[in-house]
Amino acid sequence: MAFLTLQILNSFYGRRLKSMGKLEILGMLFTLNASRIKSQLFLRNNSLKDI
């Protein structure tokens, strides 16, 4: 999963990604995962309200 995300980021940012540090890349992955988790929780809460 992380490898796929890195490939997507690499296609977006190209050479800039190579010059970034590993910590920055991990930070970007973490923020992506956090936003994905938040959206999943939001969707789950909304679907529970509809029941």
N, C-alpha and C. Protein backbone atom coordinates (compact mmCIF):
# COMPACT_ATOMS: atom_id res chain seq x y z
N MET A 1 0.83 -1.20 0.00
CA MET A 1 0.00 0.00 0.00
C MET A 1 0.87 1.25 0.00
N ALA A 2 1.86 1.27 0.88
CA ALA A 2 2.74 2.45 0.95
C ALA A 2 3.51 2.62 -0.34
N PHE A 3 3.91 1.49 -0.95
CA PHE A 3 4.66 1.57 -2.20
C PHE A 3 3.80 2.17 -3.31
N LEU A 4 2.54 1.76 -3.37
CA LEU A 4 1.62 2.31 -4.37
C LEU A 4 1.43 3.80 -4.16
N THR A 5 1.29 4.21 -2.90
CA THR A 5 1.13 5.63 -2.60
C THR A 5 2.37 6.41 -3.01
N LEU A 6 3.54 5.82 -2.77
CA LEU A 6 4.78 6.48 -3.19
C LEU A 6 4.84 6.63 -4.70
N GLN A 7 4.38 5.62 -5.43
CA GLN A 7 4.37 5.70 -6.89
C GLN A 7 3.44 6.82 -7.36
N ILE A 8 2.29 6.94 -6.72
CA ILE A 8 1.35 8.00 -7.08
C ILE A 8 1.96 9.37 -6.79
N LEU A 9 2.56 9.51 -5.60
CA LEU A 9 3.21 10.77 -5.25
C LEU A 9 4.34 11.08 -6.21
N ASN A 10 5.08 10.06 -6.59
CA ASN A 10 6.20 10.25 -7.50
C ASN A 10 5.71 10.75 -8.85
N SER A 11 4.58 10.22 -9.31
CA SER A 11 4.05 10.68 -10.59
C SER A 11 3.57 12.12 -10.50
N PHE A 12 3.08 12.53 -9.32
CA PHE A 12 2.64 13.91 -9.15
C PHE A 12 3.82 14.87 -9.03
N TYR A 13 4.78 14.52 -8.20
CA TYR A 13 5.83 15.47 -7.85
C TYR A 13 7.13 15.26 -8.61
N GLY A 14 7.28 14.11 -9.24
CA GLY A 14 8.45 13.86 -10.07
C GLY A 14 9.76 13.93 -9.30
N ARG A 15 10.68 14.74 -9.80
CA ARG A 15 12.03 14.77 -9.23
C ARG A 15 12.07 15.40 -7.85
N ARG A 16 11.10 16.25 -7.54
CA ARG A 16 11.10 16.88 -6.22
C ARG A 16 11.01 15.84 -5.11
N LEU A 17 10.27 14.77 -5.37
CA LEU A 17 10.10 13.72 -4.36
C LEU A 17 11.43 13.07 -4.02
N LYS A 18 12.30 12.91 -5.02
CA LYS A 18 13.59 12.27 -4.78
C LYS A 18 14.47 13.12 -3.87
N SER A 19 14.33 14.43 -3.93
CA SER A 19 15.16 15.31 -3.11
C SER A 19 14.61 15.45 -1.70
N MET A 20 13.38 15.03 -1.49
CA MET A 20 12.79 15.13 -0.15
C MET A 20 13.35 14.04 0.76
N GLY A 21 13.36 14.33 2.04
CA GLY A 21 13.83 13.34 3.00
C GLY A 21 12.79 12.28 3.24
N LYS A 22 13.23 11.14 3.76
CA LYS A 22 12.30 10.04 4.03
C LYS A 22 11.28 10.44 5.09
N LEU A 23 11.69 11.26 6.05
CA LEU A 23 10.75 11.68 7.09
C LEU A 23 9.62 12.52 6.50
N GLU A 24 9.95 13.35 5.52
CA GLU A 24 8.91 14.16 4.88
C GLU A 24 7.93 13.27 4.13
N ILE A 25 8.45 12.26 3.45
CA ILE A 25 7.58 11.34 2.71
C ILE A 25 6.68 10.58 3.69
N LEU A 26 7.27 10.11 4.80
CA LEU A 26 6.47 9.40 5.80
C LEU A 26 5.41 10.32 6.38
N GLY A 27 5.77 11.58 6.58
CA GLY A 27 4.79 12.55 7.08
C GLY A 27 3.64 12.74 6.12
N MET A 28 3.96 12.79 4.82
CA MET A 28 2.90 12.92 3.82
C MET A 28 2.01 11.70 3.81
N LEU A 29 2.61 10.52 3.92
CA LEU A 29 1.82 9.29 3.96
C LEU A 29 0.92 9.28 5.19
N PHE A 30 1.47 9.74 6.32
CA PHE A 30 0.69 9.76 7.56
C PHE A 30 -0.50 10.69 7.43
N THR A 31 -0.29 11.88 6.86
CA THR A 31 -1.40 12.81 6.73
C THR A 31 -2.44 12.28 5.75
N LEU A 32 -1.99 11.58 4.70
CA LEU A 32 -2.94 10.97 3.77
C LEU A 32 -3.79 9.93 4.48
N ASN A 33 -3.13 9.08 5.29
CA ASN A 33 -3.86 8.04 6.01
C ASN A 33 -4.81 8.66 7.02
N ALA A 34 -4.37 9.71 7.72
CA ALA A 34 -5.22 10.35 8.72
C ALA A 34 -6.46 10.95 8.07
N SER A 35 -6.31 11.60 6.93
CA SER A 35 -7.47 12.19 6.26
C SER A 35 -8.40 11.10 5.75
N ARG A 36 -7.83 9.97 5.30
CA ARG A 36 -8.65 8.87 4.82
C ARG A 36 -9.45 8.26 5.98
N ILE A 37 -8.81 8.10 7.14
CA ILE A 37 -9.49 7.56 8.31
C ILE A 37 -10.61 8.49 8.75
N LYS A 38 -10.34 9.80 8.75
CA LYS A 38 -11.36 10.77 9.15
C LYS A 38 -12.57 10.70 8.23
N SER A 39 -12.33 10.58 6.93
CA SER A 39 -13.45 10.53 5.99
C SER A 39 -14.24 9.24 6.17
N GLN A 40 -13.54 8.14 6.46
CA GLN A 40 -14.25 6.87 6.69
C GLN A 40 -15.11 6.96 7.94
N LEU A 41 -14.58 7.56 9.02
CA LEU A 41 -15.36 7.72 10.24
C LEU A 41 -16.56 8.62 9.99
N PHE A 42 -16.35 9.68 9.23
CA PHE A 42 -17.44 10.60 8.92
C PHE A 42 -18.55 9.89 8.15
N LEU A 43 -18.16 9.09 7.15
CA LEU A 43 -19.15 8.36 6.36
C LEU A 43 -19.88 7.33 7.23
N ARG A 44 -19.13 6.67 8.11
CA ARG A 44 -19.73 5.66 8.98
C ARG A 44 -20.75 6.31 9.92
N ASN A 45 -20.39 7.46 10.49
CA ASN A 45 -21.31 8.14 11.40
C ASN A 45 -22.56 8.60 10.68
N ASN A 46 -22.41 9.08 9.46
CA ASN A 46 -23.58 9.52 8.70
C ASN A 46 -24.48 8.35 8.33
N SER A 47 -23.88 7.20 8.01
CA SER A 47 -24.70 6.05 7.64
C SER A 47 -25.44 5.50 8.85
N LEU A 48 -24.85 5.63 10.05
CA LEU A 48 -25.54 5.17 11.26
C LEU A 48 -26.74 6.06 11.57
N LYS A 49 -26.64 7.34 11.24
CA LYS A 49 -27.76 8.25 11.50
C LYS A 49 -28.96 7.91 10.62
N ASP A 50 -28.70 7.40 9.43
CA ASP A 50 -29.78 7.11 8.49
C ASP A 50 -30.58 5.89 8.89
N ILE A 51 -29.98 5.02 9.69
CA ILE A 51 -30.66 3.76 10.05
C ILE A 51 -31.80 4.03 11.02
